[in-house]
């Protein structure tokens, strides 16, 4: 069981994958990530690798975009 929990915590997402789940454009998601979840200078101009914690924060931030949400 401990390994399963560890594996789930290690899950990462691409900007395209998470944006599709959220129902938004990857461009909009990346703009949000730049503003709210900065990353190192070395990561500039590289593919976004979004950890679970940041994905959860993004889900909360864009929850209003889901159908049926207020």
N, C-alpha and C. Protein backbone atom coordinates (compact mmCIF):
# COMPACT_ATOMS: atom_id res chain seq x y z
N UNK A 1 0.82 -1.19 0.00
CA UNK A 1 0.00 0.00 0.00
C UNK A 1 0.86 1.26 0.00
N UNK A 2 1.96 1.27 0.73
CA UNK A 2 2.83 2.43 0.78
C UNK A 2 3.36 2.81 -0.59
N UNK A 3 3.71 1.81 -1.39
CA UNK A 3 4.22 2.07 -2.74
C UNK A 3 3.16 2.71 -3.62
N UNK A 4 1.90 2.27 -3.50
CA UNK A 4 0.82 2.85 -4.29
C UNK A 4 0.65 4.33 -3.98
N UNK A 5 0.68 4.67 -2.71
CA UNK A 5 0.54 6.07 -2.30
C UNK A 5 1.70 6.89 -2.85
N UNK A 6 2.90 6.34 -2.76
CA UNK A 6 4.08 7.02 -3.27
C UNK A 6 3.97 7.23 -4.78
N UNK A 7 3.52 6.23 -5.52
CA UNK A 7 3.37 6.33 -6.97
C UNK A 7 2.34 7.38 -7.35
N UNK A 8 1.25 7.45 -6.61
CA UNK A 8 0.21 8.43 -6.90
C UNK A 8 0.75 9.84 -6.66
N UNK A 9 1.55 10.03 -5.63
CA UNK A 9 2.10 11.34 -5.32
C UNK A 9 3.10 11.78 -6.38
N UNK A 10 3.71 10.84 -7.07
CA UNK A 10 4.72 11.15 -8.07
C UNK A 10 4.12 11.43 -9.44
N UNK A 11 2.81 11.34 -9.60
CA UNK A 11 2.16 11.56 -10.89
C UNK A 11 2.43 12.98 -11.38
N UNK A 12 2.72 13.11 -12.64
CA UNK A 12 2.89 14.42 -13.26
C UNK A 12 1.98 14.53 -14.48
N UNK A 13 1.77 15.75 -14.93
CA UNK A 13 0.89 16.02 -16.06
C UNK A 13 1.60 16.95 -17.04
N UNK A 14 1.24 16.83 -18.29
CA UNK A 14 1.69 17.80 -19.28
C UNK A 14 0.66 18.93 -19.30
N UNK A 15 1.05 20.08 -19.81
CA UNK A 15 0.11 21.20 -19.90
C UNK A 15 -1.08 20.84 -20.80
N UNK A 16 -0.83 20.12 -21.87
CA UNK A 16 -1.89 19.73 -22.79
C UNK A 16 -2.88 18.78 -22.12
N UNK A 17 -2.35 17.79 -21.41
CA UNK A 17 -3.18 16.81 -20.73
C UNK A 17 -4.05 17.47 -19.65
N UNK A 18 -3.46 18.31 -18.81
CA UNK A 18 -4.21 18.95 -17.74
C UNK A 18 -5.20 19.96 -18.30
N UNK A 19 -4.82 20.71 -19.31
CA UNK A 19 -5.72 21.69 -19.91
C UNK A 19 -6.95 21.00 -20.50
N UNK A 20 -6.76 19.86 -21.13
CA UNK A 20 -7.88 19.11 -21.69
C UNK A 20 -8.84 18.69 -20.58
N UNK A 21 -8.27 18.19 -19.48
CA UNK A 21 -9.09 17.80 -18.32
C UNK A 21 -9.88 18.99 -17.78
N UNK A 22 -9.26 20.17 -17.77
CA UNK A 22 -9.89 21.36 -17.21
C UNK A 22 -10.85 22.05 -18.19
N UNK A 23 -10.77 21.67 -19.46
CA UNK A 23 -11.63 22.28 -20.47
C UNK A 23 -11.17 23.67 -20.88
N UNK A 24 -9.85 23.88 -20.85
CA UNK A 24 -9.28 25.16 -21.24
C UNK A 24 -8.15 24.94 -22.23
N UNK A 25 -7.67 26.02 -22.80
CA UNK A 25 -6.55 25.97 -23.74
C UNK A 25 -5.25 25.76 -22.97
N UNK A 26 -4.33 24.97 -23.51
CA UNK A 26 -3.03 24.83 -22.87
C UNK A 26 -2.32 26.18 -22.70
N UNK A 27 -2.56 27.09 -23.62
CA UNK A 27 -1.96 28.43 -23.54
C UNK A 27 -2.46 29.17 -22.29
N UNK A 28 -3.76 29.05 -22.01
CA UNK A 28 -4.34 29.68 -20.82
C UNK A 28 -3.76 29.05 -19.56
N UNK A 29 -3.63 27.73 -19.55
CA UNK A 29 -3.07 27.04 -18.40
C UNK A 29 -1.63 27.47 -18.16
N UNK A 30 -0.83 27.52 -19.22
CA UNK A 30 0.57 27.92 -19.05
C UNK A 30 0.69 29.35 -18.53
N UNK A 31 -0.18 30.25 -18.98
CA UNK A 31 -0.16 31.62 -18.47
C UNK A 31 -0.47 31.64 -16.97
N UNK A 32 -1.46 30.85 -16.56
CA UNK A 32 -1.79 30.73 -15.14
C UNK A 32 -0.60 30.18 -14.36
N UNK A 33 0.03 29.12 -14.88
CA UNK A 33 1.16 28.50 -14.20
C UNK A 33 2.33 29.48 -14.05
N UNK A 34 2.60 30.27 -15.08
CA UNK A 34 3.68 31.25 -15.00
C UNK A 34 3.41 32.27 -13.90
N UNK A 35 2.16 32.68 -13.77
CA UNK A 35 1.78 33.70 -12.79
C UNK A 35 1.75 33.14 -11.37
N UNK A 36 1.17 31.97 -11.19
CA UNK A 36 0.92 31.42 -9.86
C UNK A 36 1.91 30.38 -9.37
N UNK A 37 2.61 29.74 -10.28
CA UNK A 37 3.51 28.63 -9.90
C UNK A 37 4.81 28.76 -10.70
N UNK A 38 5.63 29.71 -10.30
CA UNK A 38 6.86 29.96 -11.04
C UNK A 38 7.77 28.72 -11.00
N UNK A 39 8.64 28.66 -11.96
CA UNK A 39 9.61 27.57 -12.01
C UNK A 39 10.99 28.16 -12.25
N UNK A 40 12.00 27.35 -12.15
CA UNK A 40 13.38 27.83 -12.25
C UNK A 40 13.69 28.39 -13.64
N UNK A 41 14.69 29.24 -13.69
CA UNK A 41 15.11 29.81 -14.97
C UNK A 41 15.57 28.73 -15.95
N UNK A 42 16.14 27.66 -15.41
CA UNK A 42 16.61 26.57 -16.27
C UNK A 42 15.45 25.89 -17.01
N UNK A 43 14.25 25.99 -16.45
CA UNK A 43 13.09 25.35 -17.06
C UNK A 43 12.47 26.19 -18.18
N UNK A 44 12.91 27.44 -18.32
CA UNK A 44 12.37 28.30 -19.36
C UNK A 44 12.59 27.66 -20.74
N UNK A 45 11.56 27.75 -21.57
CA UNK A 45 11.58 27.20 -22.94
C UNK A 45 11.68 25.68 -22.98
N UNK A 46 11.20 25.03 -21.92
CA UNK A 46 11.14 23.57 -21.90
C UNK A 46 9.69 23.15 -21.66
N UNK A 47 9.42 21.89 -21.88
CA UNK A 47 8.08 21.33 -21.68
C UNK A 47 7.71 21.41 -20.21
N UNK A 48 6.47 21.81 -19.94
CA UNK A 48 5.97 21.85 -18.57
C UNK A 48 5.76 20.43 -18.07
N UNK A 49 6.26 20.15 -16.87
CA UNK A 49 5.99 18.91 -16.16
C UNK A 49 5.32 19.34 -14.86
N UNK A 50 4.02 19.11 -14.78
CA UNK A 50 3.21 19.65 -13.69
C UNK A 50 3.01 18.58 -12.62
N UNK A 51 3.52 18.82 -11.41
CA UNK A 51 3.34 17.84 -10.33
C UNK A 51 1.90 17.83 -9.82
N UNK A 52 1.54 16.79 -9.10
CA UNK A 52 0.19 16.61 -8.59
C UNK A 52 -0.30 17.80 -7.79
N UNK A 53 0.54 18.33 -6.92
CA UNK A 53 0.14 19.46 -6.06
C UNK A 53 -0.26 20.68 -6.90
N UNK A 54 0.49 20.99 -7.92
CA UNK A 54 0.18 22.12 -8.79
C UNK A 54 -1.06 21.81 -9.63
N UNK A 55 -1.20 20.57 -10.06
CA UNK A 55 -2.40 20.17 -10.82
C UNK A 55 -3.65 20.35 -9.97
N UNK A 56 -3.58 20.00 -8.69
CA UNK A 56 -4.72 20.17 -7.80
C UNK A 56 -5.07 21.64 -7.63
N UNK A 57 -4.07 22.49 -7.48
CA UNK A 57 -4.30 23.93 -7.36
C UNK A 57 -4.92 24.48 -8.65
N UNK A 58 -4.48 23.96 -9.78
CA UNK A 58 -5.03 24.38 -11.08
C UNK A 58 -6.48 23.96 -11.21
N UNK A 59 -6.79 22.77 -10.74
CA UNK A 59 -8.19 22.30 -10.78
C UNK A 59 -9.09 23.22 -9.97
N UNK A 60 -8.62 23.64 -8.80
CA UNK A 60 -9.40 24.56 -7.97
C UNK A 60 -9.56 25.90 -8.66
N UNK A 61 -8.49 26.41 -9.25
CA UNK A 61 -8.51 27.71 -9.89
C UNK A 61 -9.45 27.74 -11.10
N UNK A 62 -9.56 26.64 -11.80
CA UNK A 62 -10.39 26.59 -13.00
C UNK A 62 -11.68 25.80 -12.79
N UNK A 63 -12.06 25.54 -11.56
CA UNK A 63 -13.27 24.76 -11.27
C UNK A 63 -14.51 25.43 -11.84
N UNK A 64 -14.52 26.74 -11.90
CA UNK A 64 -15.69 27.46 -12.42
C UNK A 64 -15.91 27.19 -13.91
N UNK A 65 -14.89 26.70 -14.60
CA UNK A 65 -15.02 26.40 -16.03
C UNK A 65 -15.75 25.10 -16.31
N UNK A 66 -15.89 24.27 -15.28
CA UNK A 66 -16.57 22.99 -15.46
C UNK A 66 -18.07 23.20 -15.66
N UNK A 67 -18.68 22.42 -16.49
CA UNK A 67 -20.11 22.51 -16.74
C UNK A 67 -20.87 22.26 -15.44
N UNK A 68 -21.86 23.09 -15.19
CA UNK A 68 -22.68 22.95 -14.00
C UNK A 68 -22.13 23.68 -12.80
N UNK A 69 -20.94 24.26 -12.90
CA UNK A 69 -20.37 25.02 -11.79
C UNK A 69 -20.89 26.44 -11.82
N UNK A 70 -20.89 27.05 -10.67
CA UNK A 70 -21.33 28.45 -10.59
C UNK A 70 -20.15 29.37 -10.55
